[in-house]
């Protein structure tokens, strides 16, 4: 009987080469995924940046003094050489101690994951490039192990410790090197192409000046003044991100067009320059995703600048019978929005700026739609390029084809930010605080209940618009021990937030947000 195994008699250099090719391909694959997902820093860059930050100050100063502008290139070169040596060792070790080699590959991935977490955070989109790289490493090494396997010597053949010059075949090995290497080369070239294209658009965005766009700070009366409450204005980098695009579109404003057509008197096609030359208006608006669970974080508030869709659609002239606008993104995503929501006075707009600067790429640059009072999947089209005036009965959009409701006005909701579940707080007087929202309707009151007791009214801040969330706070007293507090809001229309728990599908979650915490006696004596 014969068997196959990974042989130590295969020349050592082949295993080292296999490790180097595998390592480089995994890095290239991770760079490609990072480019596709528009990750702020790829794993390799994140590691280099962490290394720079970890360098002691005197050593860094001395390096700059001696090496000048060559310091960073030398650091990058050192990291590349170290990685190549690591890859060679990990490849060589696979034939001798496969488990140890696997630990080396996974350990290197953990280093990259840690660097990315320190620099970018731990969102799935940030960690996926590292996980992709590790998966490529392990799969590619397994391919090489299969190619480099050789028949074990039979019982009646003398064993030999001498390496076999060409076992198990140079052609098979070279074919594997070429295949894995080509995968890495294609990944690297594609990543570089995407990065150059993205960099060019980012440069144009950085230099773009849009007349009429202003900066606004949080109004004083919109703040409740309780530490730990979510800021009323959400910074661009902290604004939630939900979209279906595999690669975030990088659109040059000079090439962008918006087409308005369908059931209209006249079709309109606008360039970006023509759009921003129109009457630009600015509003505070809160957006939230229909997938947001009770107490979730998929909600944010920003200062948006853009052109009112009611003006554009009035110019196009919707025909009788039309009741919907099918919006299409540059990447093909669609949403169907009630025509009246885009033509009434609620302030729906084609937004071109967010918090006083051109839209970030991942938030729709150069233009997107904002419609207050509707969940994003029925209204907020990033990278919008097409508005078709139509009927709901004649169209389906991306999410309605997948079982979500055709129309989805935002539900009345509230959230507790302070205290958080699991917190320890001093017994006695406790400030409970958070945010509440129902865009276009507004919040008139927020109430809290401790340990299932009576609902106690709190106080709310007073922003100048009903299109945003409000901060709220309530003072309660708690004795030492375990407690739970829940919140509900009352809208300006008189609706009391329901406690009936519903999942987000098909038109938004409902229920009261509740947190559990422990009150402790600061002075037990």
Protein backbone atom coordinates (compact mmCIF):
# COMPACT_ATOMS: atom_id res chain seq x y z
CA UNK A 1 0.00 0.00 0.00
CA UNK A 2 1.25 3.49 -0.78
CA UNK A 3 0.36 6.86 0.73
CA UNK A 4 1.22 10.48 0.12
CA UNK A 5 2.61 12.97 2.55
CA UNK A 6 4.26 16.36 2.63
CA UNK A 7 7.91 15.49 2.29
CA UNK A 8 10.88 17.03 4.03
CA UNK A 9 12.96 15.65 1.16
CA UNK A 10 11.58 18.35 -1.15
CA UNK A 11 14.32 21.00 -1.50
CA UNK A 12 14.09 23.56 1.29
CA UNK A 13 14.26 26.44 -1.14
CA UNK A 14 10.96 25.37 -2.72
CA UNK A 15 9.14 25.60 0.59
CA UNK A 16 10.73 28.99 1.24
CA UNK A 17 9.69 30.22 -2.22
CA UNK A 18 6.19 28.84 -1.64
CA UNK A 19 6.00 30.82 1.62
CA UNK A 20 7.16 34.05 -0.02
CA UNK A 21 4.72 33.72 -2.94
CA UNK A 22 1.90 32.80 -0.56
CA UNK A 23 2.65 35.69 1.76
CA UNK A 24 2.84 38.28 -1.00
CA UNK A 25 -0.40 37.02 -2.55
CA UNK A 26 -2.24 37.23 0.77
CA UNK A 27 -1.03 40.80 1.32
CA UNK A 28 -2.12 41.76 -2.21
CA UNK A 29 -5.54 40.17 -1.67
CA UNK A 30 -6.00 42.06 1.58
CA UNK A 31 -5.01 45.32 -0.16
CA UNK A 32 -7.59 44.64 -2.88
CA UNK A 33 -10.38 44.01 -0.37
CA UNK A 34 -9.37 47.14 1.55
CA UNK A 35 -9.59 49.15 -1.68
CA UNK A 36 -12.96 47.67 -2.61
CA UNK A 37 -14.41 48.45 0.82
CA UNK A 38 -12.73 51.88 1.02
CA UNK A 39 -11.09 50.94 4.30
CA UNK A 40 -9.33 54.02 5.63
CA UNK A 41 -5.99 52.24 6.00
CA UNK A 42 -5.03 48.86 4.57
CA UNK A 43 -3.52 46.28 6.97
CA UNK A 44 0.03 46.86 5.70
CA UNK A 45 -0.26 50.64 6.12
CA UNK A 46 -1.90 50.21 9.53
CA UNK A 47 1.01 48.05 10.74
CA UNK A 48 3.53 50.61 9.48
CA UNK A 49 1.65 53.47 11.17
CA UNK A 50 1.45 51.60 14.47
CA UNK A 51 5.18 50.86 14.24
CA UNK A 52 5.86 54.55 13.74
CA UNK A 53 3.69 55.51 16.70
CA UNK A 54 5.29 52.83 18.88
CA UNK A 55 8.81 54.07 18.16
CA UNK A 56 10.19 55.84 21.26
CA UNK A 57 10.44 59.61 20.82
CA UNK A 58 14.25 59.92 21.20
CA UNK A 59 14.80 57.07 18.75
CA UNK A 60 12.36 58.58 16.24
CA UNK A 61 14.03 61.99 16.56
CA UNK A 62 17.46 60.46 16.08
CA UNK A 63 16.27 58.53 13.03
CA UNK A 64 14.86 61.69 11.46
CA UNK A 65 18.06 63.58 12.29
CA UNK A 66 20.28 60.94 10.68
CA UNK A 67 18.07 59.74 7.83
CA UNK A 68 15.96 62.80 7.09
CA UNK A 69 13.28 62.17 4.48
CA UNK A 70 14.58 58.62 4.01
CA UNK A 71 13.34 57.54 7.45
CA UNK A 72 9.85 56.44 6.39
CA UNK A 73 10.92 54.70 3.15
CA UNK A 74 13.55 52.86 5.17
CA UNK A 75 10.91 51.80 7.71
CA UNK A 76 8.63 50.53 4.95
CA UNK A 77 11.57 48.73 3.33
CA UNK A 78 12.49 47.14 6.65
CA UNK A 79 8.91 45.94 7.15
CA UNK A 80 8.84 44.46 3.62
CA UNK A 81 12.17 42.64 4.13
CA UNK A 82 11.04 41.37 7.52
CA UNK A 83 7.78 40.12 6.02
CA UNK A 84 9.56 38.32 3.18
CA UNK A 85 11.86 36.61 5.69
CA UNK A 86 8.85 35.71 7.82
CA UNK A 87 7.03 34.29 4.81
CA UNK A 88 10.06 32.17 3.87
CA UNK A 89 10.36 30.76 7.39
CA UNK A 90 6.63 30.08 7.61
CA UNK A 91 6.75 28.27 4.27
CA UNK A 92 9.83 26.22 5.26
CA UNK A 93 8.18 25.26 8.53
CA UNK A 94 5.01 23.96 6.85
CA UNK A 95 6.79 20.77 5.72
CA UNK A 96 8.24 20.12 9.18
CA UNK A 97 5.66 21.36 11.69
CA UNK A 98 2.49 22.27 9.85
CA UNK A 99 0.72 23.30 13.04
CA UNK A 100 3.56 25.69 13.92
CA UNK A 101 3.45 27.22 10.45
CA UNK A 102 -0.30 27.71 10.75
CA UNK A 103 0.26 29.48 14.07
CA UNK A 104 2.78 31.79 12.42
CA UNK A 105 0.38 32.73 9.62
CA UNK A 106 -2.54 33.24 12.02
CA UNK A 107 -0.30 35.12 14.44
CA UNK A 108 0.78 37.52 11.71
CA UNK A 109 -2.88 38.03 10.84
CA UNK A 110 -3.58 38.81 14.50
CA UNK A 111 -0.84 41.47 14.44
CA UNK A 112 -2.44 43.02 11.35
CA UNK A 113 -5.88 42.83 12.93
CA UNK A 114 -4.61 44.54 16.07
CA UNK A 115 -2.98 47.31 14.04
CA UNK A 116 -6.17 47.86 12.03
CA UNK A 117 -8.27 47.92 15.21
CA UNK A 118 -5.98 50.54 16.75
CA UNK A 119 -6.10 52.72 13.65
CA UNK A 120 -9.56 52.16 12.16
CA UNK A 121 -11.72 50.31 14.68
CA UNK A 122 -13.28 46.86 14.56
CA UNK A 123 -16.17 47.30 12.13
CA UNK A 124 -16.64 44.29 9.83
CA UNK A 125 -15.49 46.28 6.80
CA UNK A 126 -12.24 47.14 8.59
CA UNK A 127 -11.39 43.59 9.64
CA UNK A 128 -12.43 41.78 6.44
CA UNK A 129 -9.18 42.62 4.55
CA UNK A 130 -7.07 40.96 7.27
CA UNK A 131 -9.31 37.91 7.43
CA UNK A 132 -9.14 37.63 3.64
CA UNK A 133 -5.35 37.73 3.73
CA UNK A 134 -5.14 34.98 6.36
CA UNK A 135 -7.58 32.80 4.41
CA UNK A 136 -5.51 33.23 1.24
CA UNK A 137 -2.32 32.32 3.13
CA UNK A 138 -3.73 29.09 4.52
CA UNK A 139 -5.40 28.00 1.28
CA UNK A 140 -2.34 28.79 -0.85
CA UNK A 141 -0.01 26.91 1.51
CA UNK A 142 -2.32 23.93 1.37
CA UNK A 143 -2.14 24.07 -2.44
CA UNK A 144 1.66 24.08 -2.29
CA UNK A 145 1.59 21.21 0.21
CA UNK A 146 -0.51 19.21 -2.22
CA UNK A 147 1.82 20.00 -5.13
CA UNK A 148 4.98 19.31 -3.14
CA UNK A 149 3.69 16.05 -1.66
CA UNK A 150 5.56 12.94 -2.83
CA UNK A 151 4.91 9.23 -2.43
CA UNK A 152 6.28 7.82 0.81
CA UNK A 153 8.98 5.12 0.25
CA UNK A 154 7.62 1.57 0.18
CA UNK A 155 8.68 -0.98 2.79
CA UNK A 156 10.94 -2.86 0.38
CA UNK A 157 12.78 0.27 -0.78
CA UNK A 158 15.77 1.53 1.15
CA UNK A 159 15.15 4.86 2.77
CA UNK A 160 17.47 7.74 2.12
CA UNK A 161 18.08 10.99 3.84
CA UNK A 162 19.40 12.53 0.66
CA UNK A 163 17.10 15.12 -0.90
CA UNK A 164 15.53 14.22 -4.18
CA UNK A 165 16.76 16.70 -6.76
CA UNK A 166 13.53 17.26 -8.64
CA UNK A 167 10.83 15.49 -6.59
CA UNK A 168 7.95 15.83 -6.92
CA UNK A 169 8.42 17.67 -10.23
CA UNK A 170 9.67 21.08 -11.09
CA UNK A 171 6.88 21.70 -13.58
CA UNK A 172 4.12 21.19 -11.02
CA UNK A 173 5.85 23.45 -8.53
CA UNK A 174 6.45 26.18 -11.09
CA UNK A 175 2.82 25.91 -12.22
CA UNK A 176 1.65 26.43 -8.62
CA UNK A 177 4.03 29.36 -8.17
CA UNK A 178 2.76 30.90 -11.40
CA UNK A 179 -0.91 30.40 -10.49
CA UNK A 180 -0.67 31.76 -6.94
CA UNK A 181 1.68 34.51 -8.06
CA UNK A 182 -0.67 35.55 -10.87
CA UNK A 183 -3.52 35.77 -8.38
CA UNK A 184 -1.38 38.03 -6.20
CA UNK A 185 -0.24 40.15 -9.14
CA UNK A 186 -3.79 40.65 -10.41
CA UNK A 187 -4.97 41.56 -6.91
CA UNK A 188 -2.13 44.02 -6.45
CA UNK A 189 -2.58 45.69 -9.85
CA UNK A 190 -6.35 45.98 -9.35
CA UNK A 191 -5.88 47.42 -5.87
CA UNK A 192 -3.42 50.00 -7.21
CA UNK A 193 -5.81 50.95 -10.02
CA UNK A 194 -8.68 51.42 -7.56
CA UNK A 195 -6.50 53.40 -5.18
CA UNK A 196 -5.25 55.72 -7.93
CA UNK A 197 -8.79 56.30 -9.14
CA UNK A 198 -10.01 56.90 -5.61
CA UNK A 199 -7.05 59.21 -4.87
CA UNK A 200 -7.83 61.30 -7.96
CA UNK A 201 -11.46 61.72 -6.89
CA UNK A 202 -10.42 62.50 -3.32
CA UNK A 203 -8.12 65.22 -4.63
CA UNK A 204 -10.98 66.75 -6.59
CA UNK A 205 -13.21 66.55 -3.53
CA UNK A 206 -10.55 68.22 -1.38
CA UNK A 207 -10.23 71.12 -3.82
CA UNK A 208 -13.98 71.45 -4.41
CA UNK A 209 -15.62 74.62 -3.16
CA UNK A 210 -19.42 74.66 -3.27
CA UNK A 211 -20.96 78.16 -3.10
CA UNK A 212 -23.46 78.53 -0.28
CA UNK A 213 -22.20 75.66 1.89
CA UNK A 214 -21.64 76.78 5.48
CA UNK A 215 -20.37 75.27 8.72
CA UNK A 216 -22.71 75.01 11.68
CA UNK A 217 -22.03 74.11 15.29
CA UNK A 218 -24.54 72.47 17.58
CA UNK A 219 -27.14 75.02 18.75
CA UNK A 220 -26.88 75.59 22.49
CA UNK A 221 -30.56 74.81 23.08
CA UNK A 222 -30.16 71.43 21.33
CA UNK A 223 -27.86 70.21 24.13
CA UNK A 224 -29.22 68.66 27.33
CA UNK A 225 -25.93 69.01 29.23
CA UNK A 226 -25.56 65.46 30.60
CA UNK A 227 -22.12 63.85 30.16
CA UNK A 228 -22.17 60.67 28.12
CA UNK A 229 -25.16 61.52 25.93
CA UNK A 230 -24.59 60.96 22.22
CA UNK A 231 -23.55 64.28 20.64
CA UNK A 232 -26.46 66.02 18.93
CA UNK A 233 -24.37 66.53 15.79
CA UNK A 234 -22.76 63.38 14.42
CA UNK A 235 -19.32 63.88 12.91
CA UNK A 236 -18.84 62.51 9.40
CA UNK A 237 -16.36 59.83 10.49
CA UNK A 238 -18.82 58.58 13.14
CA UNK A 239 -21.94 58.58 10.99
CA UNK A 240 -23.32 55.09 10.48
CA UNK A 241 -22.64 53.38 7.15
CA UNK A 242 -25.07 50.97 5.49
CA UNK A 243 -24.95 50.28 1.76
CA UNK A 244 -24.82 47.33 -0.61
CA UNK A 245 -21.91 48.54 -2.78
CA UNK A 246 -18.98 46.11 -2.81
CA UNK A 247 -16.72 48.89 -4.04
CA UNK A 248 -17.63 52.43 -3.00
CA UNK A 249 -18.12 54.39 -6.25
CA UNK A 250 -15.40 56.97 -6.92
CA UNK A 251 -17.16 59.50 -9.19
CA UNK A 252 -15.48 62.54 -10.66
CA UNK A 253 -17.97 65.43 -10.29
CA UNK A 254 -17.10 66.48 -13.84
CA UNK A 255 -18.50 63.15 -15.10
CA UNK A 256 -21.59 63.03 -12.86
CA UNK A 257 -25.05 63.47 -14.35
CA UNK A 258 -28.52 63.41 -12.81
CA UNK A 259 -31.36 62.38 -15.11
CA UNK A 260 -34.99 63.13 -14.18
CA UNK A 261 -37.45 61.39 -16.48
CA UNK A 262 -40.42 59.02 -16.67
CA UNK A 263 -43.94 60.31 -16.11
CA UNK A 264 -42.98 63.97 -16.55
CA UNK A 265 -43.72 66.79 -18.98
CA UNK A 266 -40.04 67.27 -19.74
CA UNK A 267 -36.88 65.28 -19.09
CA UNK A 268 -34.06 67.04 -17.24
CA UNK A 269 -30.38 66.17 -17.22
CA UNK A 270 -28.12 68.10 -14.85
CA UNK A 271 -24.36 68.23 -14.50
CA UNK A 272 -22.83 68.75 -11.07
CA UNK A 273 -21.95 72.38 -11.88
CA UNK A 274 -25.52 73.02 -13.02
CA UNK A 275 -26.88 71.46 -9.83
CA UNK A 276 -24.78 73.51 -7.40
CA UNK A 277 -25.49 76.69 -9.38
CA UNK A 278 -29.12 76.39 -8.28
CA UNK A 279 -30.63 77.66 -5.04
CA UNK A 280 -28.74 75.75 -2.33
CA UNK A 281 -30.47 75.25 1.01
CA UNK A 282 -29.22 73.80 4.30
CA UNK A 283 -30.97 71.90 7.08
CA UNK A 284 -30.28 69.77 10.14
CA UNK A 285 -31.65 66.28 9.48
CA UNK A 286 -31.49 62.97 11.33
CA UNK A 287 -31.22 59.78 9.27
CA UNK A 288 -31.83 56.27 10.53
CA UNK A 289 -31.69 52.81 9.02
CA UNK A 290 -34.71 50.50 9.05
CA UNK A 291 -32.40 47.74 10.32
CA UNK A 292 -31.79 49.65 13.53
CA UNK A 293 -32.78 47.53 16.52
CA UNK A 294 -34.41 49.07 19.59
CA UNK A 295 -31.61 51.01 21.30
CA UNK A 296 -29.33 50.59 18.25
CA UNK A 297 -26.71 52.94 16.84
CA UNK A 298 -27.79 53.10 13.16
CA UNK A 299 -28.93 56.70 13.47
CA UNK A 300 -27.13 60.03 13.12
CA UNK A 301 -27.73 63.75 12.75
CA UNK A 302 -25.90 66.12 10.41
CA UNK A 303 -26.02 69.55 8.72
CA UNK A 304 -26.90 68.85 5.09
CA UNK A 305 -26.57 71.22 2.13
CA UNK A 306 -28.29 70.67 -1.20
CA UNK A 307 -30.96 71.49 -3.76
CA UNK A 308 -34.61 70.84 -2.92
CA UNK A 309 -36.08 67.94 -4.91
CA UNK A 310 -39.46 69.69 -4.98
CA UNK A 311 -37.93 72.43 -7.17
CA UNK A 312 -36.35 69.93 -9.56
CA UNK A 313 -39.47 67.79 -9.85
CA UNK A 314 -41.74 70.82 -10.24
CA UNK A 315 -39.59 71.87 -13.19
CA UNK A 316 -39.88 68.38 -14.72
CA UNK A 317 -43.66 68.42 -14.21
CA UNK A 318 -44.94 65.06 -12.87
CA UNK A 319 -47.93 63.70 -14.84
CA UNK A 320 -51.28 62.78 -13.24
CA UNK A 321 -51.26 59.27 -11.79
CA UNK A 322 -47.60 59.29 -10.79
CA UNK A 323 -47.09 58.49 -7.09
CA UNK A 324 -43.48 57.32 -6.81
CA UNK A 325 -39.90 58.18 -7.72
CA UNK A 326 -37.59 55.28 -8.51
CA UNK A 327 -34.11 56.42 -7.49
CA UNK A 328 -31.04 54.70 -8.93
CA UNK A 329 -27.48 54.85 -7.67
CA UNK A 330 -24.33 54.78 -9.78
CA UNK A 331 -23.76 51.18 -8.58
CA UNK A 332 -27.27 50.12 -9.66
CA UNK A 333 -28.98 50.13 -6.24
CA UNK A 334 -32.57 51.37 -6.30
CA UNK A 335 -35.19 52.67 -3.90
CA UNK A 336 -38.79 53.75 -4.52
CA UNK A 337 -39.87 56.91 -2.72
CA UNK A 338 -43.35 58.45 -2.44
CA UNK A 339 -43.58 61.32 -4.92
CA UNK A 340 -45.32 63.54 -2.37
CA UNK A 341 -42.43 63.09 0.10
CA UNK A 342 -40.08 64.54 -2.52
CA UNK A 343 -42.37 67.40 -3.54
CA UNK A 344 -43.93 68.61 -0.26
CA UNK A 345 -42.42 71.06 2.23
CA UNK A 346 -40.55 68.53 4.37
CA UNK A 347 -37.19 69.51 2.84
CA UNK A 348 -36.16 66.52 0.73
CA UNK A 349 -32.98 67.39 -1.13
CA UNK A 350 -30.22 66.31 -3.47
CA UNK A 351 -27.46 66.78 -0.89
CA UNK A 352 -23.95 67.74 -1.96
CA UNK A 353 -22.41 68.56 1.43
CA UNK A 354 -22.44 67.11 4.94
CA UNK A 355 -21.47 69.10 8.03
CA UNK A 356 -20.07 71.91 5.91
CA UNK A 357 -17.89 69.92 3.53
CA UNK A 358 -18.46 67.97 0.29
CA UNK A 359 -19.99 64.57 0.94
CA UNK A 360 -17.46 61.88 1.93
CA UNK A 361 -17.12 59.22 -0.77
CA UNK A 362 -18.75 56.56 1.38
CA UNK A 363 -21.71 58.87 2.10
CA UNK A 364 -22.55 59.46 -1.55
CA UNK A 365 -20.10 61.93 -3.13
CA UNK A 366 -20.76 63.84 -5.26
CA UNK A 367 -24.54 63.77 -4.61
CA UNK A 368 -27.18 61.79 -2.74
CA UNK A 369 -30.81 62.15 -1.70
CA UNK A 370 -32.07 62.97 1.79
CA UNK A 371 -35.78 62.66 2.62
CA UNK A 372 -36.79 63.42 6.24
CA UNK A 373 -39.27 61.10 7.90
CA UNK A 374 -38.56 57.97 5.82
CA UNK A 375 -36.21 55.10 6.51
CA UNK A 376 -33.15 55.16 4.29
CA UNK A 377 -33.98 52.09 2.23
CA UNK A 378 -37.00 53.91 0.76
CA UNK A 379 -35.43 57.34 0.33
CA UNK A 380 -31.68 57.83 0.88
CA UNK A 381 -29.97 57.04 -2.41
CA UNK A 382 -26.20 57.56 -2.30
CA UNK A 383 -24.34 58.32 -5.55
CA UNK A 384 -27.72 59.11 -7.11
CA UNK A 385 -27.73 59.41 -10.90
CA UNK A 386 -31.35 58.77 -11.92
CA UNK A 387 -34.81 59.82 -10.75
CA UNK A 388 -37.69 58.16 -12.62
CA UNK A 389 -41.14 59.49 -11.84
CA UNK A 390 -43.45 56.48 -11.95
CA UNK A 391 -46.10 54.45 -10.05
CA UNK A 392 -45.52 52.09 -7.15
CA UNK A 393 -47.62 49.52 -9.00
CA UNK A 394 -45.17 49.55 -11.91
CA UNK A 395 -41.82 49.21 -10.12
CA UNK A 396 -39.96 47.32 -7.44
CA UNK A 397 -36.74 48.40 -5.79
CA UNK A 398 -33.76 46.62 -4.26
CA UNK A 399 -35.20 46.00 -0.78
CA UNK A 400 -38.89 45.72 -1.63
CA UNK A 401 -37.98 42.78 -3.86
CA UNK A 402 -36.51 41.20 -0.73
CA UNK A 403 -39.61 41.42 1.45
CA UNK A 404 -39.35 44.89 3.00
CA UNK A 405 -42.34 47.23 3.01
CA UNK A 406 -42.99 49.47 0.03
CA UNK A 407 -43.42 52.56 2.19
CA UNK A 408 -41.80 52.99 5.58
CA UNK A 409 -42.23 56.20 7.59
CA UNK A 410 -39.88 56.46 10.55
CA UNK A 411 -41.28 55.03 13.77
CA UNK A 412 -41.36 56.95 17.03
CA UNK A 413 -38.25 55.83 18.94
CA UNK A 414 -36.07 56.61 21.94
CA UNK A 415 -32.79 55.35 23.38
CA UNK A 416 -30.96 55.43 26.71
CA UNK A 417 -27.30 56.48 26.51
CA UNK A 418 -26.68 57.06 30.24
CA UNK A 419 -26.28 54.82 32.13
CA UNK A 420 -25.26 51.92 29.90
CA UNK A 421 -26.11 48.31 30.58
CA UNK A 422 -23.67 46.81 33.07
CA UNK A 423 -22.61 50.17 34.54
CA UNK A 424 -22.03 50.72 38.24
CA UNK A 425 -23.41 54.05 39.42
CA UNK A 426 -23.58 55.78 42.81
CA UNK A 427 -26.84 55.25 44.66
CA UNK A 428 -29.12 58.22 45.24
CA UNK A 429 -29.88 60.78 42.55
CA UNK A 430 -29.15 59.51 39.05
CA UNK A 431 -29.38 61.33 35.72
CA UNK A 432 -30.79 59.09 32.99
CA UNK A 433 -30.36 60.53 29.50
CA UNK A 434 -30.41 59.73 25.80
CA UNK A 435 -31.99 60.67 22.48
CA UNK A 436 -35.45 60.35 20.90
CA UNK A 437 -36.74 60.96 17.38
CA UNK A 438 -39.59 60.92 14.92
CA UNK A 439 -38.55 63.06 11.98
CA UNK A 440 -41.09 65.54 10.52
CA UNK A 441 -43.34 65.01 13.58
CA UNK A 442 -41.13 65.91 16.54
CA UNK A 443 -40.92 64.93 20.22
CA UNK A 444 -43.04 66.59 22.90
CA UNK A 445 -42.08 64.48 25.94
CA UNK A 446 -39.87 61.62 27.11
CA UNK A 447 -40.74 59.41 30.09
CA UNK A 448 -38.72 56.88 32.08
CA UNK A 449 -39.70 53.98 34.34
CA UNK A 450 -37.40 52.46 36.98
CA UNK A 451 -37.87 48.80 37.91
CA UNK A 452 -41.29 48.67 36.26
CA UNK A 453 -42.66 51.59 38.27
CA UNK A 454 -44.69 54.56 37.14
CA UNK A 455 -43.62 56.57 34.11
CA UNK A 456 -41.83 59.77 35.12
CA UNK A 457 -41.57 62.70 32.66
CA UNK A 458 -38.11 64.03 31.92
CA UNK A 459 -36.90 67.16 30.19
CA UNK A 460 -35.96 67.55 26.53
CA UNK A 461 -33.69 69.92 24.66
CA UNK A 462 -35.22 72.26 22.10
CA UNK A 463 -33.71 72.12 18.62
CA UNK A 464 -35.32 74.48 16.14
CA UNK A 465 -36.56 71.68 13.87
CA UNK A 466 -38.67 68.53 14.07
CA UNK A 467 -36.48 66.81 11.46
CA UNK A 468 -33.82 65.82 14.03
CA UNK A 469 -33.53 63.76 17.15
CA UNK A 470 -33.67 65.46 20.56
CA UNK A 471 -31.53 64.90 23.62
CA UNK A 472 -33.47 64.19 26.82
CA UNK A 473 -32.74 63.64 30.51
CA UNK A 474 -34.63 62.59 33.64
CA UNK A 475 -33.59 62.59 37.30
CA UNK A 476 -34.45 59.50 39.35
CA UNK A 477 -33.41 58.08 42.72
CA UNK A 478 -32.02 54.57 43.07
CA UNK A 479 -31.17 52.55 46.18
CA UNK A 480 -28.09 50.24 46.29
CA UNK A 481 -28.68 47.11 44.21
CA UNK A 482 -29.64 45.95 40.75
CA UNK A 483 -31.97 48.15 38.70
CA UNK A 484 -33.41 48.48 35.22
CA UNK A 485 -34.72 51.59 33.53
CA UNK A 486 -36.76 51.89 30.35
CA UNK A 487 -37.76 54.86 28.20
CA UNK A 488 -40.60 55.86 25.91
CA UNK A 489 -41.28 59.01 23.92
CA UNK A 490 -44.42 60.99 23.12
CA UNK A 491 -44.63 62.71 19.73
CA UNK A 492 -45.95 66.18 19.03
CA UNK A 493 -48.89 64.45 17.32
CA UNK A 494 -49.80 62.86 20.67
CA UNK A 495 -48.61 59.33 19.85
CA UNK A 496 -47.14 57.39 22.77
CA UNK A 497 -44.28 55.09 21.80
CA UNK A 498 -45.45 51.49 21.82
CA UNK A 499 -43.90 48.82 24.01
CA UNK A 500 -44.86 46.09 21.55
CA UNK A 501 -41.63 44.46 20.44
CA UNK A 502 -41.21 44.02 16.68
CA UNK A 503 -38.23 43.05 14.57
CA UNK A 504 -37.01 45.53 11.93
CA UNK A 505 -38.43 43.47 9.03
CA UNK A 506 -40.54 44.63 7.21
CA UNK A 507 -40.82 48.33 8.19
CA UNK A 508 -38.81 49.06 11.33
CA UNK A 509 -38.37 47.83 14.90
CA UNK A 510 -40.52 48.89 17.85
CA UNK A 511 -40.40 48.49 21.62
CA UNK A 512 -39.01 50.27 24.67
CA UNK A 513 -35.28 50.47 25.17
CA UNK A 514 -34.19 49.14 28.55
CA UNK A 515 -30.84 49.02 30.36
CA UNK A 516 -29.80 47.24 33.55
CA UNK A 517 -27.23 48.65 35.98
CA UNK A 518 -26.01 48.40 39.56
CA UNK A 519 -26.24 51.18 42.13
CA UNK A 520 -23.57 51.08 44.84
CA UNK A 521 -23.26 52.95 48.11
CA UNK A 522 -20.24 55.24 47.89
CA UNK A 523 -19.96 55.46 51.67
CA UNK A 524 -21.05 52.12 53.18
CA UNK A 525 -19.82 53.24 56.60
